[in-house]
Amino acid sequence: MANMQENGAGLLFAPGLISGLRGLRGLSWQGLVDRVANQDQLANERLAFVLMMVQLSGCTTCQADSYKAMRGCAVCSLQTLKRFRGSDQSLIDKFEESEVEINQYLQEVRNDSK
């Protein structure tokens, strides 16, 4: 049986998978993927994209020995976006909500460290 690393699985959605999601939706989605795919690992928009995918894919409830995990994060994320019933704009709205969440969290951390 293949291990999780061989299947592209990790604990959460891997940022390295972002560019592979480009062709799954329309032009506005492709523009979002293009914008965040090559950003620094800790860029807020890239973190927001990862958070959005974690939430959409249910990464926090994935178990290492589950069928979903054994297939890997790459397959799971592709399947999640293919099965998403909303529009590209709905996905972009979810991304923007995740971006607000990331920015709020980072602001709280900065305030707590003062």
PDB file of N, CA and C in Angstrom:
ATOM      1  N   MET A   1       0.844  -1.186   0.000  1.00  0.00           N
ATOM      2  CA  MET A   1       0.000   0.000   0.000  1.00  0.00           C
ATOM      3  C   MET A   1       0.888   1.248   0.000  1.00  0.00           C
ATOM      4  N   ALA A   2       0.567   2.195  -0.821  1.00  0.00           N
ATOM      5  CA  ALA A   2       1.346   3.428  -0.919  1.00  0.00           C
ATOM      6  C   ALA A   2       1.133   4.282   0.317  1.00  0.00           C
ATOM      7  N   ASN A   3       2.178   5.013   0.692  1.00  0.00           N
ATOM      8  CA  ASN A   3       2.012   5.889   1.849  1.00  0.00           C
ATOM      9  C   ASN A   3       1.432   7.235   1.424  1.00  0.00           C
ATOM     10  N   MET A   4       1.081   8.064   2.410  1.00  0.00           N
ATOM     11  CA  MET A   4       0.415   9.340   2.138  1.00  0.00           C
ATOM     12  C   MET A   4       1.280  10.274   1.310  1.00  0.00           C
ATOM     13  N   GLN A   5       2.578  10.291   1.539  1.00  0.00           N
ATOM     14  CA  GLN A   5       3.450  11.189   0.797  1.00  0.00           C
ATOM     15  C   GLN A   5       3.475  10.830  -0.692  1.00  0.00           C
ATOM     16  N   GLU A   6       3.460   9.545  -1.011  1.00  0.00           N
ATOM     17  CA  GLU A   6       3.476   9.126  -2.405  1.00  0.00           C
ATOM     18  C   GLU A   6       2.202   9.540  -3.131  1.00  0.00           C
ATOM     19  N   ASN A   7       1.097   9.642  -2.401  1.00  0.00           N
ATOM     20  CA  ASN A   7      -0.177  10.020  -2.994  1.00  0.00           C
ATOM     21  C   ASN A   7      -0.401  11.520  -2.991  1.00  0.00           C
ATOM     22  N   GLY A   8       0.581  12.277  -2.557  1.00  0.00           N
ATOM     23  CA  GLY A   8       0.410  13.716  -2.498  1.00  0.00           C
ATOM     24  C   GLY A   8      -0.464  14.137  -1.332  1.00  0.00           C
ATOM     25  N   ALA A   9      -0.528  13.314  -0.306  1.00  0.00           N
ATOM     26  CA  ALA A   9      -1.362  13.629   0.848  1.00  0.00           C
ATOM     27  C   ALA A   9      -0.508  14.180   1.971  1.00  0.00           C
ATOM     28  N   GLY A  10      -1.062  15.092   2.680  1.00  0.00           N
ATOM     29  CA  GLY A  10      -0.415  15.660   3.840  1.00  0.00           C
ATOM     30  C   GLY A  10      -1.454  15.821   4.925  1.00  0.00           C
ATOM     31  N   LEU A  11      -1.158  16.671   5.864  1.00  0.00           N
ATOM     32  CA  LEU A  11      -2.124  16.903   6.920  1.00  0.00           C
ATOM     33  C   LEU A  11      -3.244  17.831   6.469  1.00  0.00           C
ATOM     34  N   LEU A  12      -2.910  18.774   5.607  1.00  0.00           N
ATOM     35  CA  LEU A  12      -3.870  19.731   5.071  1.00  0.00           C
ATOM     36  C   LEU A  12      -3.556  19.957   3.604  1.00  0.00           C
ATOM     37  N   PHE A  13      -4.417  20.684   2.930  1.00  0.00           N
ATOM     38  CA  PHE A  13      -4.185  21.003   1.521  1.00  0.00           C
ATOM     39  C   PHE A  13      -2.804  21.629   1.347  1.00  0.00           C
ATOM     40  N   ALA A  14      -2.034  21.101   0.436  1.00  0.00           N
ATOM     41  CA  ALA A  14      -0.663  21.571   0.204  1.00  0.00           C
ATOM     42  C   ALA A  14      -0.652  22.722  -0.796  1.00  0.00           C
ATOM     43  N   PRO A  15      -0.010  23.849  -0.442  1.00  0.00           N
ATOM     44  CA  PRO A  15       0.036  24.997  -1.348  1.00  0.00           C
ATOM     45  C   PRO A  15       0.650  24.682  -2.711  1.00  0.00           C
ATOM     46  N   GLY A  16       1.501  23.690  -2.775  1.00  0.00           N
ATOM     47  CA  GLY A  16       2.111  23.310  -4.045  1.00  0.00           C
ATOM     48  C   GLY A  16       1.123  22.771  -5.064  1.00  0.00           C
ATOM     49  N   LEU A  17      -0.075  22.448  -4.620  1.00  0.00           N
ATOM     50  CA  LEU A  17      -1.101  21.919  -5.522  1.00  0.00           C
ATOM     51  C   LEU A  17      -1.922  23.014  -6.199  1.00  0.00           C
ATOM     52  N   ILE A  18      -1.756  24.260  -5.777  1.00  0.00           N
ATOM     53  CA  ILE A  18      -2.613  25.346  -6.257  1.00  0.00           C
ATOM     54  C   ILE A  18      -2.607  25.451  -7.782  1.00  0.00           C
ATOM     55  N   SER A  19      -1.438  25.498  -8.390  1.00  0.00           N
ATOM     56  CA  SER A  19      -1.381  25.709  -9.846  1.00  0.00           C
ATOM     57  C   SER A  19      -2.068  24.585 -10.623  1.00  0.00           C
ATOM     58  N   GLY A  20      -2.095  23.396 -10.076  1.00  0.00           N
ATOM     59  CA  GLY A  20      -2.758  22.268 -10.735  1.00  0.00           C
ATOM     60  C   GLY A  20      -4.267  22.370 -10.772  1.00  0.00           C
ATOM     61  N   LEU A  21      -4.829  23.333 -10.047  1.00  0.00           N
ATOM     62  CA  LEU A  21      -6.283  23.518  -9.999  1.00  0.00           C
ATOM     63  C   LEU A  21      -6.768  24.539 -11.029  1.00  0.00           C
ATOM     64  N   ARG A  22      -5.854  25.119 -11.752  1.00  0.00           N
ATOM     65  CA  ARG A  22      -6.165  26.240 -12.648  1.00  0.00           C
ATOM     66  C   ARG A  22      -7.237  25.918 -13.686  1.00  0.00           C
ATOM     67  N   GLY A  23      -7.109  24.811 -14.368  1.00  0.00           N
ATOM     68  CA  GLY A  23      -7.989  24.503 -15.491  1.00  0.00           C
ATOM     69  C   GLY A  23      -9.337  23.911 -15.131  1.00  0.00           C
ATOM     70  N   LEU A  24      -9.670  23.862 -13.863  1.00  0.00           N
ATOM     71  CA  LEU A  24     -10.906  23.199 -13.449  1.00  0.00           C
ATOM     72  C   LEU A  24     -12.155  24.069 -13.543  1.00  0.00           C
ATOM     73  N   ARG A  25     -11.970  25.369 -13.630  1.00  0.00           N
ATOM     74  CA  ARG A  25     -13.112  26.281 -13.627  1.00  0.00           C
ATOM     75  C   ARG A  25     -12.911  27.322 -14.730  1.00  0.00           C
ATOM     76  N   GLY A  26     -13.678  28.382 -14.679  1.00  0.00           N
ATOM     77  CA  GLY A  26     -13.655  29.416 -15.708  1.00  0.00           C
ATOM     78  C   GLY A  26     -12.528  30.420 -15.549  1.00  0.00           C
ATOM     79  N   LEU A  27     -12.647  31.503 -16.315  1.00  0.00           N
ATOM     80  CA  LEU A  27     -11.589  32.515 -16.384  1.00  0.00           C
ATOM     81  C   LEU A  27     -11.342  33.224 -15.061  1.00  0.00           C
ATOM     82  N   SER A  28     -12.394  33.537 -14.320  1.00  0.00           N
ATOM     83  CA  SER A  28     -12.185  34.246 -13.051  1.00  0.00           C
ATOM     84  C   SER A  28     -11.447  33.350 -12.057  1.00  0.00           C
ATOM     85  N   TRP A  29     -11.767  32.063 -12.055  1.00  0.00           N
ATOM     86  CA  TRP A  29     -11.057  31.105 -11.201  1.00  0.00           C
ATOM     87  C   TRP A  29      -9.590  31.010 -11.632  1.00  0.00           C
ATOM     88  N   GLN A  30      -9.373  30.913 -12.929  1.00  0.00           N
ATOM     89  CA  GLN A  30      -8.015  30.827 -13.448  1.00  0.00           C
ATOM     90  C   GLN A  30      -7.202  32.055 -13.056  1.00  0.00           C
ATOM     91  N   GLY A  31      -7.833  33.215 -13.091  1.00  0.00           N
ATOM     92  CA  GLY A  31      -7.158  34.442 -12.681  1.00  0.00           C
ATOM     93  C   GLY A  31      -6.761  34.403 -11.210  1.00  0.00           C
ATOM     94  N   LEU A  32      -7.652  33.878 -10.371  1.00  0.00           N
ATOM     95  CA  LEU A  32      -7.334  33.754  -8.940  1.00  0.00           C
ATOM     96  C   LEU A  32      -6.163  32.806  -8.734  1.00  0.00           C
ATOM     97  N   VAL A  33      -6.210  31.650  -9.387  1.00  0.00           N
ATOM     98  CA  VAL A  33      -5.125  30.670  -9.256  1.00  0.00           C
ATOM     99  C   VAL A  33      -3.809  31.275  -9.732  1.00  0.00           C
ATOM    100  N   ASP A  34      -3.845  31.962 -10.866  1.00  0.00           N
ATOM    101  CA  ASP A  34      -2.623  32.598 -11.387  1.00  0.00           C
ATOM    102  C   ASP A  34      -2.070  33.614 -10.391  1.00  0.00           C
ATOM    103  N   ARG A  35      -2.961  34.343  -9.744  1.00  0.00           N
ATOM    104  CA  ARG A  35      -2.540  35.384  -8.812  1.00  0.00           C
ATOM    105  C   ARG A  35      -1.863  34.805  -7.569  1.00  0.00           C
ATOM    106  N   VAL A  36      -2.376  33.698  -7.052  1.00  0.00           N
ATOM    107  CA  VAL A  36      -1.849  33.192  -5.778  1.00  0.00           C
ATOM    108  C   VAL A  36      -0.820  32.074  -5.910  1.00  0.00           C
ATOM    109  N   ALA A  37      -0.782  31.388  -7.039  1.00  0.00           N
ATOM    110  CA  ALA A  37       0.066  30.194  -7.177  1.00  0.00           C
ATOM    111  C   ALA A  37       1.545  30.455  -6.953  1.00  0.00           C
ATOM    112  N   ASN A  38       2.037  31.570  -7.420  1.00  0.00           N
ATOM    113  CA  ASN A  38       3.471  31.822  -7.338  1.00  0.00           C
ATOM    114  C   ASN A  38       3.852  32.796  -6.239  1.00  0.00           C
ATOM    115  N   GLN A  39       2.917  33.109  -5.376  1.00  0.00           N
ATOM    116  CA  GLN A  39       3.231  34.001  -4.264  1.00  0.00           C
ATOM    117  C   GLN A  39       4.087  33.290  -3.233  1.00  0.00           C
ATOM    118  N   ASP A  40       4.721  34.077  -2.396  1.00  0.00           N
ATOM    119  CA  ASP A  40       5.499  33.557  -1.282  1.00  0.00           C
ATOM    120  C   ASP A  40       4.616  32.651  -0.425  1.00  0.00           C
ATOM    121  N   GLN A  41       5.207  31.615   0.145  1.00  0.00           N
ATOM    122  CA  GLN A  41       4.461  30.649   0.961  1.00  0.00           C
ATOM    123  C   GLN A  41       3.631  31.301   2.063  1.00  0.00           C
ATOM    124  N   LEU A  42       4.107  32.417   2.596  1.00  0.00           N
ATOM    125  CA  LEU A  42       3.413  33.053   3.715  1.00  0.00           C
ATOM    126  C   LEU A  42       2.627  34.299   3.309  1.00  0.00           C
ATOM    127  N   ALA A  43       2.447  34.514   2.023  1.00  0.00           N
ATOM    128  CA  ALA A  43       1.631  35.636   1.560  1.00  0.00           C
ATOM    129  C   ALA A  43       0.186  35.414   2.005  1.00  0.00           C
ATOM    130  N   ASN A  44      -0.456  36.471   2.446  1.00  0.00           N
ATOM    131  CA  ASN A  44      -1.816  36.361   2.975  1.00  0.00           C
ATOM    132  C   ASN A  44      -2.793  35.748   1.970  1.00  0.00           C
ATOM    133  N   GLU A  45      -2.685  36.135   0.698  1.00  0.00           N
ATOM    134  CA  GLU A  45      -3.595  35.573  -0.302  1.00  0.00           C
ATOM    135  C   GLU A  45      -3.367  34.072  -0.497  1.00  0.00           C
ATOM    136  N   ARG A  46      -2.133  33.672  -0.463  1.00  0.00           N
ATOM    137  CA  ARG A  46      -1.833  32.236  -0.613  1.00  0.00           C
ATOM    138  C   ARG A  46      -2.360  31.455   0.591  1.00  0.00           C
ATOM    139  N   LEU A  47      -2.167  32.009   1.778  1.00  0.00           N
ATOM    140  CA  LEU A  47      -2.705  31.379   2.985  1.00  0.00           C
ATOM    141  C   LEU A  47      -4.226  31.311   2.930  1.00  0.00           C
ATOM    142  N   ALA A  48      -4.849  32.364   2.419  1.00  0.00           N
ATOM    143  CA  ALA A  48      -6.305  32.391   2.296  1.00  0.00           C
ATOM    144  C   ALA A  48      -6.787  31.317   1.324  1.00  0.00           C
ATOM    145  N   PHE A  49      -6.063  31.110   0.246  1.00  0.00           N
ATOM    146  CA  PHE A  49      -6.436  30.073  -0.720  1.00  0.00           C
ATOM    147  C   PHE A  49      -6.352  28.691  -0.075  1.00  0.00           C
ATOM    148  N   VAL A  50      -5.277  28.470   0.662  1.00  0.00           N
ATOM    149  CA  VAL A  50      -5.118  27.190   1.360  1.00  0.00           C
ATOM    150  C   VAL A  50      -6.255  26.995   2.358  1.00  0.00           C
ATOM    151  N   LEU A  51      -6.575  28.026   3.135  1.00  0.00           N
ATOM    152  CA  LEU A  51      -7.672  27.928   4.097  1.00  0.00           C
ATOM    153  C   LEU A  51      -8.983  27.610   3.391  1.00  0.00           C
ATOM    154  N   MET A  52      -9.253  28.264   2.274  1.00  0.00           N
ATOM    155  CA  MET A  52     -10.470  27.998   1.517  1.00  0.00           C
ATOM    156  C   MET A  52     -10.533  26.530   1.087  1.00  0.00           C
ATOM    157  N   MET A  53      -9.437  26.011   0.565  1.00  0.00           N
ATOM    158  CA  MET A  53      -9.416  24.618   0.111  1.00  0.00           C
ATOM    159  C   MET A  53      -9.545  23.645   1.283  1.00  0.00           C
ATOM    160  N   VAL A  54      -8.933  23.973   2.418  1.00  0.00           N
ATOM    161  CA  VAL A  54      -9.069  23.136   3.616  1.00  0.00           C
ATOM    162  C   VAL A  54     -10.542  23.058   4.018  1.00  0.00           C
ATOM    163  N   GLN A  55     -11.216  24.197   3.993  1.00  0.00           N
ATOM    164  CA  GLN A  55     -12.621  24.232   4.375  1.00  0.00           C
ATOM    165  C   GLN A  55     -13.497  23.506   3.355  1.00  0.00           C
ATOM    166  N   LEU A  56     -13.273  23.748   2.072  1.00  0.00           N
ATOM    167  CA  LEU A  56     -14.078  23.098   1.027  1.00  0.00           C
ATOM    168  C   LEU A  56     -13.886  21.588   1.005  1.00  0.00           C
ATOM    169  N   SER A  57     -12.657  21.152   1.197  1.00  0.00           N
ATOM    170  CA  SER A  57     -12.328  19.732   1.078  1.00  0.00           C
ATOM    171  C   SER A  57     -12.546  18.954   2.369  1.00  0.00           C
ATOM    172  N   GLY A  58     -12.741  19.652   3.475  1.00  0.00           N
ATOM    173  CA  GLY A  58     -12.925  18.969   4.751  1.00  0.00           C
ATOM    174  C   GLY A  58     -11.635  18.355   5.272  1.00  0.00           C
ATOM    175  N   CYS A  59     -10.523  19.017   5.038  1.00  0.00           N
ATOM    176  CA  CYS A  59      -9.216  18.481   5.435  1.00  0.00           C
ATOM    177  C   CYS A  59      -9.106  18.213   6.940  1.00  0.00           C
ATOM    178  N   THR A  60      -9.749  19.029   7.744  1.00  0.00           N
ATOM    179  CA  THR A  60      -9.584  18.883   9.197  1.00  0.00           C
ATOM    180  C   THR A  60     -10.243  17.616   9.737  1.00  0.00           C
ATOM    181  N   THR A  61     -11.137  17.011   8.964  1.00  0.00           N
ATOM    182  CA  THR A  61     -11.772  15.775   9.419  1.00  0.00           C
ATOM    183  C   THR A  61     -11.249  14.549   8.685  1.00  0.00           C
ATOM    184  N   CYS A  62     -10.285  14.751   7.794  1.00  0.00           N
ATOM    185  CA  CYS A  62      -9.713  13.642   7.032  1.00  0.00           C
ATOM    186  C   CYS A  62      -8.850  12.777   7.958  1.00  0.00           C
ATOM    187  N   GLN A  63      -9.010  11.492   7.860  1.00  0.00           N
ATOM    188  CA  GLN A  63      -8.234  10.543   8.660  1.00  0.00           C
ATOM    189  C   GLN A  63      -7.172   9.884   7.785  1.00  0.00           C
ATOM    190  N   ALA A  64      -5.993   9.669   8.329  1.00  0.00           N
ATOM    191  CA  ALA A  64      -4.865   9.117   7.572  1.00  0.00           C
ATOM    192  C   ALA A  64      -5.185   7.771   6.921  1.00  0.00           C
ATOM    193  N   ASP A  65      -6.068   7.002   7.521  1.00  0.00           N
ATOM    194  CA  ASP A  65      -6.378   5.681   6.975  1.00  0.00           C
ATOM    195  C   ASP A  65      -7.678   5.656   6.172  1.00  0.00           C
ATOM    196  N   SER A  66      -8.221   6.827   5.871  1.00  0.00           N
ATOM    197  CA  SER A  66      -9.462   6.882   5.103  1.00  0.00           C
ATOM    198  C   SER A  66      -9.187   6.731   3.611  1.00  0.00           C
ATOM    199  N   TYR A  67     -10.207   6.330   2.890  1.00  0.00           N
ATOM    200  CA  TYR A  67     -10.099   6.202   1.431  1.00  0.00           C
ATOM    201  C   TYR A  67      -9.678   7.532   0.816  1.00  0.00           C
ATOM    202  N   LYS A  68     -10.278   8.596   1.303  1.00  0.00           N
ATOM    203  CA  LYS A  68      -9.993   9.947   0.804  1.00  0.00           C
ATOM    204  C   LYS A  68      -8.504  10.275   0.975  1.00  0.00           C
ATOM    205  N   ALA A  69      -7.960  10.019   2.135  1.00  0.00           N
ATOM    206  CA  ALA A  69      -6.551  10.319   2.400  1.00  0.00           C
ATOM    207  C   ALA A  69      -5.622   9.422   1.594  1.00  0.00           C
ATOM    208  N   MET A  70      -5.994   8.184   1.437  1.00  0.00           N
ATOM    209  CA  MET A  70      -5.142   7.258   0.691  1.00  0.00           C
ATOM    210  C   MET A  70      -5.077   7.619  -0.791  1.00  0.00           C
ATOM    211  N   ARG A  71      -6.111   8.263  -1.306  1.00  0.00           N
ATOM    212  CA  ARG A  71      -6.083   8.723  -2.700  1.00  0.00           C
ATOM    213  C   ARG A  71      -5.197   9.951  -2.835  1.00  0.00           C
ATOM    214  N   GLY A  72      -5.088  10.743  -1.772  1.00  0.00           N
ATOM    215  CA  GLY A  72      -4.185  11.881  -1.758  1.00  0.00           C
ATOM    216  C   GLY A  72      -4.886  13.223  -1.896  1.00  0.00           C
ATOM    217  N   CYS A  73      -4.184  14.247  -1.458  1.00  0.00           N
ATOM    218  CA  CYS A  73      -4.717  15.614  -1.470  1.00  0.00           C
ATOM    219  C   CYS A  73      -4.942  16.132  -2.879  1.00  0.00           C
ATOM    220  N   ALA A  74      -4.078  15.767  -3.795  1.00  0.00           N
ATOM    221  CA  ALA A  74      -4.222  16.254  -5.167  1.00  0.00           C
ATOM    222  C   ALA A  74      -5.536  15.770  -5.767  1.00  0.00           C
ATOM    223  N   VAL A  75      -5.822  14.492  -5.637  1.00  0.00           N
ATOM    224  CA  VAL A  75      -7.066  13.930  -6.165  1.00  0.00           C
ATOM    225  C   VAL A  75      -8.266  14.510  -5.423  1.00  0.00           C
ATOM    226  N   CYS A  76      -8.161  14.633  -4.119  1.00  0.00           N
ATOM    227  CA  CYS A  76      -9.256  15.172  -3.311  1.00  0.00           C
ATOM    228  C   CYS A  76      -9.587  16.603  -3.720  1.00  0.00           C
ATOM    229  N   SER A  77      -8.568  17.444  -3.888  1.00  0.00           N
ATOM    230  CA  SER A  77      -8.821  18.845  -4.241  1.00  0.00           C
ATOM    231  C   SER A  77      -9.418  18.964  -5.643  1.00  0.00           C
ATOM    232  N   LEU A  78      -8.955  18.152  -6.571  1.00  0.00           N
ATOM    233  CA  LEU A  78      -9.533  18.152  -7.918  1.00  0.00           C
ATOM    234  C   LEU A  78     -11.001  17.755  -7.864  1.00  0.00           C
ATOM    235  N   GLN A  79     -11.271  16.711  -7.128  1.00  0.00           N
ATOM    236  CA  GLN A  79     -12.642  16.214  -7.001  1.00  0.00           C
ATOM    237  C   GLN A  79     -13.540  17.240  -6.301  1.00  0.00           C
ATOM    238  N   THR A  80     -13.020  17.895  -5.278  1.00  0.00           N
ATOM    239  CA  THR A  80     -13.785  18.898  -4.552  1.00  0.00           C
ATOM    240  C   THR A  80     -14.218  20.024  -5.485  1.00  0.00           C
ATOM    241  N   LEU A  81     -13.299  20.511  -6.296  1.00  0.00           N
ATOM    242  CA  LEU A  81     -13.635  21.615  -7.200  1.00  0.00           C
ATOM    243  C   LEU A  81     -14.532  21.179  -8.351  1.00  0.00           C
ATOM    244  N   LYS A  82     -14.364  19.971  -8.830  1.00  0.00           N
ATOM    245  CA  LYS A  82     -15.238  19.467  -9.888  1.00  0.00           C
ATOM    246  C   LYS A  82     -16.666  19.289  -9.386  1.00  0.00           C
ATOM    247  N   ARG A  83     -16.811  18.902  -8.130  1.00  0.00           N
ATOM    248  CA  ARG A  83     -18.139  18.660  -7.553  1.00  0.00           C
ATOM    249  C   ARG A  83     -18.793  19.915  -6.975  1.00  0.00           C
ATOM    250  N   PHE A  84     -18.027  21.003  -6.881  1.00  0.00           N
ATOM    251  CA  PHE A  84     -18.567  22.232  -6.303  1.00  0.00           C
ATOM    252  C   PHE A  84     -19.705  22.734  -7.185  1.00  0.00           C
ATOM    253  N   ARG A  85     -20.877  22.919  -6.594  1.00  0.00           N
ATOM    254  CA  ARG A  85     -22.079  23.269  -7.346  1.00  0.00           C
ATOM    255  C   ARG A  85     -22.235  24.773  -7.580  1.00  0.00           C
ATOM    256  N   GLY A  86     -21.494  25.566  -6.853  1.00  0.00           N
ATOM    257  CA  GLY A  86     -21.608  27.013  -6.997  1.00  0.00           C
ATOM    258  C   GLY A  86     -20.848  27.532  -8.201  1.00  0.00           C
ATOM    259  N   SER A  87     -21.006  28.803  -8.436  1.00  0.00           N
ATOM    260  CA  SER A  87     -20.325  29.468  -9.545  1.00  0.00           C
ATOM    261  C   SER A  87     -18.875  29.769  -9.176  1.00  0.00           C
ATOM    262  N   ASP A  88     -18.135  30.202 -10.171  1.00  0.00           N
ATOM    263  CA  ASP A  88     -16.775  30.667  -9.909  1.00  0.00           C
ATOM    264  C   ASP A  88     -16.803  31.846  -8.943  1.00  0.00           C
ATOM    265  N   GLN A  89     -17.811  32.709  -9.100  1.00  0.00           N
ATOM    266  CA  GLN A  89     -17.915  33.854  -8.205  1.00  0.00           C
ATOM    267  C   GLN A  89     -18.142  33.392  -6.764  1.00  0.00           C
ATOM    268  N   SER A  90     -18.878  32.313  -6.576  1.00  0.00           N
ATOM    269  CA  SER A  90     -19.068  31.757  -5.225  1.00  0.00           C
ATOM    270  C   SER A  90     -17.737  31.308  -4.639  1.00  0.00           C
ATOM    271  N   LEU A  91     -16.905  30.703  -5.464  1.00  0.00           N
ATOM    272  CA  LEU A  91     -15.576  30.288  -5.006  1.00  0.00           C
ATOM    273  C   LEU A  91     -14.722  31.498  -4.663  1.00  0.00           C
ATOM    274  N   ILE A  92     -14.789  32.511  -5.490  1.00  0.00           N
ATOM    275  CA  ILE A  92     -14.016  33.726  -5.228  1.00  0.00           C
ATOM    276  C   ILE A  92     -14.518  34.404  -3.958  1.00  0.00           C
ATOM    277  N   ASP A  93     -15.825  34.385  -3.742  1.00  0.00           N
ATOM    278  CA  ASP A  93     -16.386  34.925  -2.494  1.00  0.00           C
ATOM    279  C   ASP A  93     -15.861  34.155  -1.287  1.00  0.00           C
ATOM    280  N   LYS A  94     -15.786  32.829  -1.416  1.00  0.00           N
ATOM    281  CA  LYS A  94     -15.248  32.005  -0.332  1.00  0.00           C
ATOM    282  C   LYS A  94     -13.774  32.339  -0.091  1.00  0.00           C
ATOM    283  N   PHE A  95     -13.038  32.548  -1.165  1.00  0.00           N
ATOM    284  CA  PHE A  95     -11.644  32.948  -1.040  1.00  0.00           C
ATOM    285  C   PHE A  95     -11.539  34.269  -0.281  1.00  0.00           C
ATOM    286  N   GLU A  96     -12.367  35.240  -0.667  1.00  0.00           N
ATOM    287  CA  GLU A  96     -12.332  36.550  -0.013  1.00  0.00           C
ATOM    288  C   GLU A  96     -12.713  36.453   1.468  1.00  0.00           C
ATOM    289  N   GLU A  97     -13.653  35.580   1.806  1.00  0.00           N
ATOM    290  CA  GLU A  97     -14.004  35.348   3.216  1.00  0.00           C
ATOM    291  C   GLU A  97     -12.809  34.756   3.963  1.00  0.00           C
ATOM    292  N   SER A  98     -12.113  33.842   3.329  1.00  0.00           N
ATOM    293  CA  SER A  98     -10.922  33.239   3.934  1.00  0.00           C
ATOM    294  C   SER A  98      -9.826  34.273   4.114  1.00  0.00           C
ATOM    295  N   GLU A  99      -9.715  35.179   3.159  1.00  0.00           N
ATOM    296  CA  GLU A  99      -8.708  36.233   3.245  1.00  0.00           C
ATOM    297  C   GLU A  99      -8.994  37.154   4.430  1.00  0.00           C
ATOM    298  N   VAL A 100     -10.264  37.484   4.633  1.00  0.00           N
ATOM    299  CA  VAL A 100     -10.652  38.301   5.791  1.00  0.00           C
ATOM    300  C   VAL A 100     -10.306  37.560   7.079  1.00  0.00           C
ATOM    301  N   GLU A 101     -10.605  36.266   7.110  1.00  0.00           N
ATOM    302  CA  GLU A 101     -10.310  35.445   8.292  1.00  0.00           C
ATOM    303  C   GLU A 101      -8.807  35.413   8.589  1.00  0.00           C
ATOM    304  N   ILE A 102      -8.000  35.238   7.567  1.00  0.00           N
ATOM    305  CA  ILE A 102      -6.535  35.229   7.736  1.00  0.00           C
ATOM    306  C   ILE A 102      -6.052  36.581   8.256  1.00  0.00           C
ATOM    307  N   ASN A 103      -6.522  37.655   7.636  1.00  0.00           N
ATOM    308  CA  ASN A 103      -6.095  39.000   8.054  1.00  0.00           C
ATOM    309  C   ASN A 103      -6.514  39.313   9.484  1.00  0.00           C
ATOM    310  N   GLN A 104      -7.725  38.902   9.870  1.00  0.00           N
ATOM    311  CA  GLN A 104      -8.178  39.112  11.246  1.00  0.00           C
ATOM    312  C   GLN A 104      -7.306  38.337  12.231  1.00  0.00           C
ATOM    313  N   TYR A 105      -7.016  37.097  11.893  1.00  0.00           N
ATOM    314  CA  TYR A 105      -6.178  36.274  12.762  1.00  0.00           C
ATOM    315  C   TYR A 105      -4.795  36.895  12.928  1.00  0.00           C
ATOM    316  N   LEU A 106      -4.182  37.309  11.820  1.00  0.00           N
ATOM    317  CA  LEU A 106      -2.851  37.903  11.891  1.00  0.00           C
ATOM    318  C   LEU A 106      -2.863  39.207  12.688  1.00  0.00           C
ATOM    319  N   GLN A 107      -3.920  39.991  12.574  1.00  0.00           N
ATOM    320  CA  GLN A 107      -4.030  41.213  13.353  1.00  0.00           C
ATOM    321  C   GLN A 107      -4.126  40.885  14.838  1.00  0.00           C
ATOM    322  N   GLU A 108      -4.896  39.856  15.202  1.00  0.00           N
ATOM    323  CA  GLU A 108      -5.014  39.432  16.596  1.00  0.00           C
ATOM    324  C   GLU A 108      -3.668  38.986  17.143  1.00  0.00           C
ATOM    325  N   VAL A 109      -2.929  38.229  16.344  1.00  0.00           N
ATOM    326  CA  VAL A 109      -1.603  37.769  16.775  1.00  0.00           C
ATOM    327  C   VAL A 109      -0.675  38.950  17.001  1.00  0.00           C
ATOM    328  N   ARG A 110      -0.719  39.908  16.088  1.00  0.00           N
ATOM    329  CA  ARG A 110       0.124  41.103  16.260  1.00  0.00           C
ATOM    330  C   ARG A 110      -0.255  41.868  17.519  1.00  0.00           C
ATOM    331  N   ASN A 111      -1.555  41.999  17.772  1.00  0.00           N
ATOM    332  CA  ASN A 111      -2.016  42.727  18.961  1.00  0.00           C
ATOM    333  C   ASN A 111      -1.644  41.985  20.242  1.00  0.00           C
ATOM    334  N   ASP A 112      -1.716  40.666  20.212  1.00  0.00           N
ATOM    335  CA  ASP A 112      -1.362  39.863  21.393  1.00  0.00           C
ATOM    336  C   ASP A 112       0.131  39.907  21.694  1.00  0.00           C
ATOM    337  N   SER A 113       0.943  40.129  20.670  1.00  0.00           N
ATOM    338  CA  SER A 113       2.397  40.122  20.887  1.00  0.00           C
ATOM    339  C   SER A 113       2.939  41.464  21.366  1.00  0.00           C
ATOM    340  N   LYS A 114       2.055  42.461  21.434  1.00  0.00           N
ATOM    341  CA  LYS A 114       2.504  43.797  21.892  1.00  0.00           C
ATOM    342  C   LYS A 114       2.523  43.878  23.384  1.00  0.00           C
TER     343      LYS A 114
END
